[in-house]
Amino acid sequence: LEGEGLVAFRYLDVNPNGSLRDIAGLRNERGNVVGLMPHPEHAIEPGFGPNTPAAMRSGVDGLTFFTSVIKQSVLS
């Protein structure tokens, strides 16, 4: 996967599911399909998100993920 450039995302700092080499997302060869293990849709507004002491359900970083995808799609 790594040698073929199919790793799209990696966990940073914390790897909650123990995936090898901190892989969090993969893409297909064309790059038009991405599979994610994390669920950014669970962290788009305050009060939701990961229920961990570090996050305390305050995370909105999933929203940043979606807005960057939309922005890049518009630019492409």
N, C-alpha and C. Protein backbone atom coordinates (compact mmCIF):
# COMPACT_ATOMS: atom_id res chain seq x y z
N LEU A 1 0.82 -1.20 0.00
CA LEU A 1 0.00 0.00 0.00
C LEU A 1 0.86 1.26 0.00
N GLU A 2 1.86 1.26 0.88
CA GLU A 2 2.71 2.44 0.94
C GLU A 2 3.55 2.59 -0.32
N GLY A 3 4.10 1.50 -0.81
CA GLY A 3 4.91 1.53 -2.01
C GLY A 3 4.14 1.96 -3.25
N GLU A 4 2.84 1.74 -3.23
CA GLU A 4 1.99 2.11 -4.35
C GLU A 4 1.36 3.49 -4.16
N GLY A 5 1.67 4.15 -3.04
CA GLY A 5 1.12 5.48 -2.78
C GLY A 5 -0.36 5.48 -2.47
N LEU A 6 -0.86 4.41 -1.89
CA LEU A 6 -2.29 4.30 -1.62
C LEU A 6 -2.69 4.72 -0.20
N VAL A 7 -1.72 5.07 0.63
CA VAL A 7 -2.03 5.55 1.98
C VAL A 7 -2.39 7.03 1.88
N ALA A 8 -3.62 7.35 2.23
CA ALA A 8 -4.11 8.73 2.10
C ALA A 8 -3.99 9.51 3.40
N PHE A 9 -4.18 8.83 4.54
CA PHE A 9 -4.16 9.51 5.84
C PHE A 9 -3.48 8.63 6.87
N ARG A 10 -2.85 9.28 7.84
CA ARG A 10 -2.25 8.59 8.98
C ARG A 10 -2.70 9.28 10.26
N TYR A 11 -2.79 8.47 11.31
CA TYR A 11 -3.06 9.04 12.63
C TYR A 11 -1.84 9.81 13.09
N LEU A 12 -2.06 10.87 13.83
CA LEU A 12 -0.99 11.68 14.38
C LEU A 12 -1.12 11.68 15.89
N ASP A 13 -0.09 11.35 16.57
CA ASP A 13 -0.01 11.32 18.04
C ASP A 13 -0.72 10.11 18.64
N VAL A 14 -1.99 9.86 18.28
CA VAL A 14 -2.75 8.76 18.87
C VAL A 14 -3.31 7.89 17.74
N ASN A 15 -3.13 6.59 17.90
CA ASN A 15 -3.67 5.62 16.93
C ASN A 15 -4.71 4.79 17.68
N PRO A 16 -5.98 5.21 17.68
CA PRO A 16 -6.98 4.58 18.53
C PRO A 16 -7.33 3.15 18.18
N ASN A 17 -7.09 2.71 16.95
CA ASN A 17 -7.46 1.34 16.60
C ASN A 17 -6.25 0.43 16.41
N GLY A 18 -5.05 0.95 16.58
CA GLY A 18 -3.85 0.13 16.49
C GLY A 18 -3.48 -0.30 15.09
N SER A 19 -3.90 0.44 14.09
CA SER A 19 -3.58 0.07 12.71
C SER A 19 -2.07 0.12 12.47
N LEU A 20 -1.60 -0.77 11.61
CA LEU A 20 -0.18 -0.81 11.30
C LEU A 20 0.27 0.50 10.67
N ARG A 21 1.44 0.95 11.09
CA ARG A 21 2.04 2.18 10.57
C ARG A 21 1.11 3.39 10.66
N ASP A 22 0.19 3.35 11.62
CA ASP A 22 -0.73 4.46 11.89
C ASP A 22 -1.60 4.83 10.68
N ILE A 23 -1.89 3.86 9.82
CA ILE A 23 -2.70 4.15 8.64
C ILE A 23 -4.14 4.40 9.06
N ALA A 24 -4.68 5.54 8.63
CA ALA A 24 -6.06 5.92 8.96
C ALA A 24 -6.96 5.94 7.74
N GLY A 25 -6.38 6.01 6.56
CA GLY A 25 -7.19 6.05 5.34
C GLY A 25 -6.42 5.58 4.13
N LEU A 26 -7.14 4.96 3.23
CA LEU A 26 -6.56 4.46 1.98
C LEU A 26 -7.33 5.04 0.80
N ARG A 27 -6.66 5.08 -0.35
CA ARG A 27 -7.33 5.54 -1.57
C ARG A 27 -7.17 4.48 -2.64
N ASN A 28 -8.00 4.57 -3.67
CA ASN A 28 -7.82 3.65 -4.79
C ASN A 28 -6.75 4.20 -5.73
N GLU A 29 -6.41 3.43 -6.75
CA GLU A 29 -5.33 3.84 -7.65
C GLU A 29 -5.64 5.12 -8.41
N ARG A 30 -6.89 5.35 -8.75
CA ARG A 30 -7.27 6.58 -9.46
C ARG A 30 -7.31 7.79 -8.53
N GLY A 31 -7.42 7.54 -7.22
CA GLY A 31 -7.47 8.64 -6.27
C GLY A 31 -8.85 9.25 -6.11
N ASN A 32 -9.86 8.62 -6.68
CA ASN A 32 -11.20 9.19 -6.59
C ASN A 32 -12.07 8.52 -5.54
N VAL A 33 -11.52 7.54 -4.81
CA VAL A 33 -12.24 6.88 -3.73
C VAL A 33 -11.30 6.79 -2.53
N VAL A 34 -11.79 7.19 -1.37
CA VAL A 34 -11.01 7.14 -0.13
C VAL A 34 -11.82 6.41 0.92
N GLY A 35 -11.18 5.51 1.63
CA GLY A 35 -11.79 4.84 2.77
C GLY A 35 -11.11 5.31 4.04
N LEU A 36 -11.92 5.68 5.03
CA LEU A 36 -11.39 6.20 6.30
C LEU A 36 -11.80 5.31 7.47
N MET A 37 -10.91 5.13 8.40
CA MET A 37 -11.27 4.48 9.65
C MET A 37 -11.83 5.51 10.64
N PRO A 38 -11.22 6.69 10.77
CA PRO A 38 -11.79 7.69 11.68
C PRO A 38 -13.14 8.16 11.14
N HIS A 39 -13.92 8.76 12.00
CA HIS A 39 -15.23 9.28 11.63
C HIS A 39 -15.27 10.79 11.83
N PRO A 40 -14.78 11.56 10.86
CA PRO A 40 -14.77 13.01 11.03
C PRO A 40 -16.17 13.60 11.17
N GLU A 41 -17.18 12.91 10.67
CA GLU A 41 -18.55 13.42 10.80
C GLU A 41 -19.02 13.46 12.25
N HIS A 42 -18.33 12.77 13.14
CA HIS A 42 -18.68 12.79 14.55
C HIS A 42 -18.06 13.98 15.28
N ALA A 43 -17.29 14.78 14.58
CA ALA A 43 -16.60 15.91 15.22
C ALA A 43 -16.75 17.17 14.38
N ILE A 44 -18.00 17.55 14.12
CA ILE A 44 -18.21 18.75 13.31
C ILE A 44 -18.90 19.87 14.08
N GLU A 45 -19.32 19.60 15.30
CA GLU A 45 -19.91 20.66 16.11
C GLU A 45 -19.62 20.39 17.59
N PRO A 46 -19.51 21.45 18.39
CA PRO A 46 -19.21 21.27 19.81
C PRO A 46 -20.26 20.37 20.48
N GLY A 47 -19.82 19.56 21.41
CA GLY A 47 -20.71 18.67 22.13
C GLY A 47 -20.72 17.26 21.58
N PHE A 48 -20.10 17.08 20.44
CA PHE A 48 -20.00 15.76 19.83
C PHE A 48 -18.53 15.43 19.67
N GLY A 49 -18.22 14.37 18.99
CA GLY A 49 -16.83 14.01 18.78
C GLY A 49 -16.40 12.92 19.72
N PRO A 50 -15.12 12.62 19.72
CA PRO A 50 -14.61 11.51 20.54
C PRO A 50 -14.89 11.73 22.02
N ASN A 51 -15.30 10.68 22.69
CA ASN A 51 -15.57 10.76 24.12
C ASN A 51 -14.34 10.26 24.87
N THR A 52 -13.29 11.04 24.82
CA THR A 52 -12.05 10.70 25.51
C THR A 52 -11.68 11.86 26.42
N PRO A 53 -10.89 11.62 27.45
CA PRO A 53 -10.48 12.72 28.32
C PRO A 53 -9.80 13.85 27.56
N ALA A 54 -9.01 13.51 26.55
CA ALA A 54 -8.31 14.55 25.79
C ALA A 54 -9.27 15.38 24.95
N ALA A 55 -10.26 14.74 24.36
CA ALA A 55 -11.19 15.47 23.47
C ALA A 55 -12.35 16.08 24.24
N MET A 56 -12.82 15.42 25.27
CA MET A 56 -13.94 15.88 26.10
C MET A 56 -15.13 16.32 25.25
N ARG A 57 -15.37 15.61 24.16
CA ARG A 57 -16.50 15.89 23.27
C ARG A 57 -16.54 17.33 22.78
N SER A 58 -15.39 17.96 22.69
CA SER A 58 -15.36 19.36 22.28
C SER A 58 -14.83 19.54 20.87
N GLY A 59 -14.42 18.45 20.24
CA GLY A 59 -13.73 18.54 18.97
C GLY A 59 -14.60 18.99 17.81
N VAL A 60 -14.06 19.91 17.04
CA VAL A 60 -14.69 20.30 15.78
C VAL A 60 -13.68 20.15 14.64
N ASP A 61 -12.62 19.37 14.87
CA ASP A 61 -11.61 19.22 13.84
C ASP A 61 -12.11 18.40 12.65
N GLY A 62 -13.17 17.66 12.81
CA GLY A 62 -13.77 16.97 11.67
C GLY A 62 -14.32 17.95 10.66
N LEU A 63 -14.80 19.09 11.13
CA LEU A 63 -15.31 20.12 10.23
C LEU A 63 -14.19 20.64 9.34
N THR A 64 -13.01 20.80 9.89
CA THR A 64 -11.86 21.24 9.10
C THR A 64 -11.57 20.24 7.99
N PHE A 65 -11.68 18.97 8.29
CA PHE A 65 -11.48 17.94 7.27
C PHE A 65 -12.46 18.13 6.11
N PHE A 66 -13.73 18.26 6.42
CA PHE A 66 -14.74 18.39 5.36
C PHE A 66 -14.60 19.68 4.57
N THR A 67 -14.33 20.79 5.25
CA THR A 67 -14.19 22.06 4.52
C THR A 67 -12.96 22.03 3.61
N SER A 68 -11.90 21.36 4.02
CA SER A 68 -10.72 21.28 3.15
C SER A 68 -11.00 20.40 1.94
N VAL A 69 -11.79 19.34 2.11
CA VAL A 69 -12.16 18.49 0.98
C VAL A 69 -13.01 19.28 -0.01
N ILE A 70 -13.97 20.03 0.50
CA ILE A 70 -14.83 20.85 -0.37
C ILE A 70 -14.00 21.89 -1.10
N LYS A 71 -13.13 22.57 -0.38
CA LYS A 71 -12.29 23.60 -0.99
C LYS A 71 -11.44 23.01 -2.11
N GLN A 72 -10.82 21.87 -1.86
CA GLN A 72 -9.97 21.25 -2.88
C GLN A 72 -10.80 20.79 -4.08
N SER A 73 -12.01 20.32 -3.83
CA SER A 73 -12.88 19.88 -4.93
C SER A 73 -13.25 21.05 -5.83
N VAL A 74 -13.50 22.20 -5.23
CA VAL A 74 -13.86 23.39 -6.00
C VAL A 74 -12.67 23.86 -6.83
N LEU A 75 -11.46 23.76 -6.27
CA LEU A 75 -10.26 24.21 -6.97
C LEU A 75 -9.84 23.26 -8.10
N SER A 76 -10.26 22.02 -8.02
CA SER A 76 -9.83 21.02 -9.02
C SER A 76 -10.64 21.10 -10.29
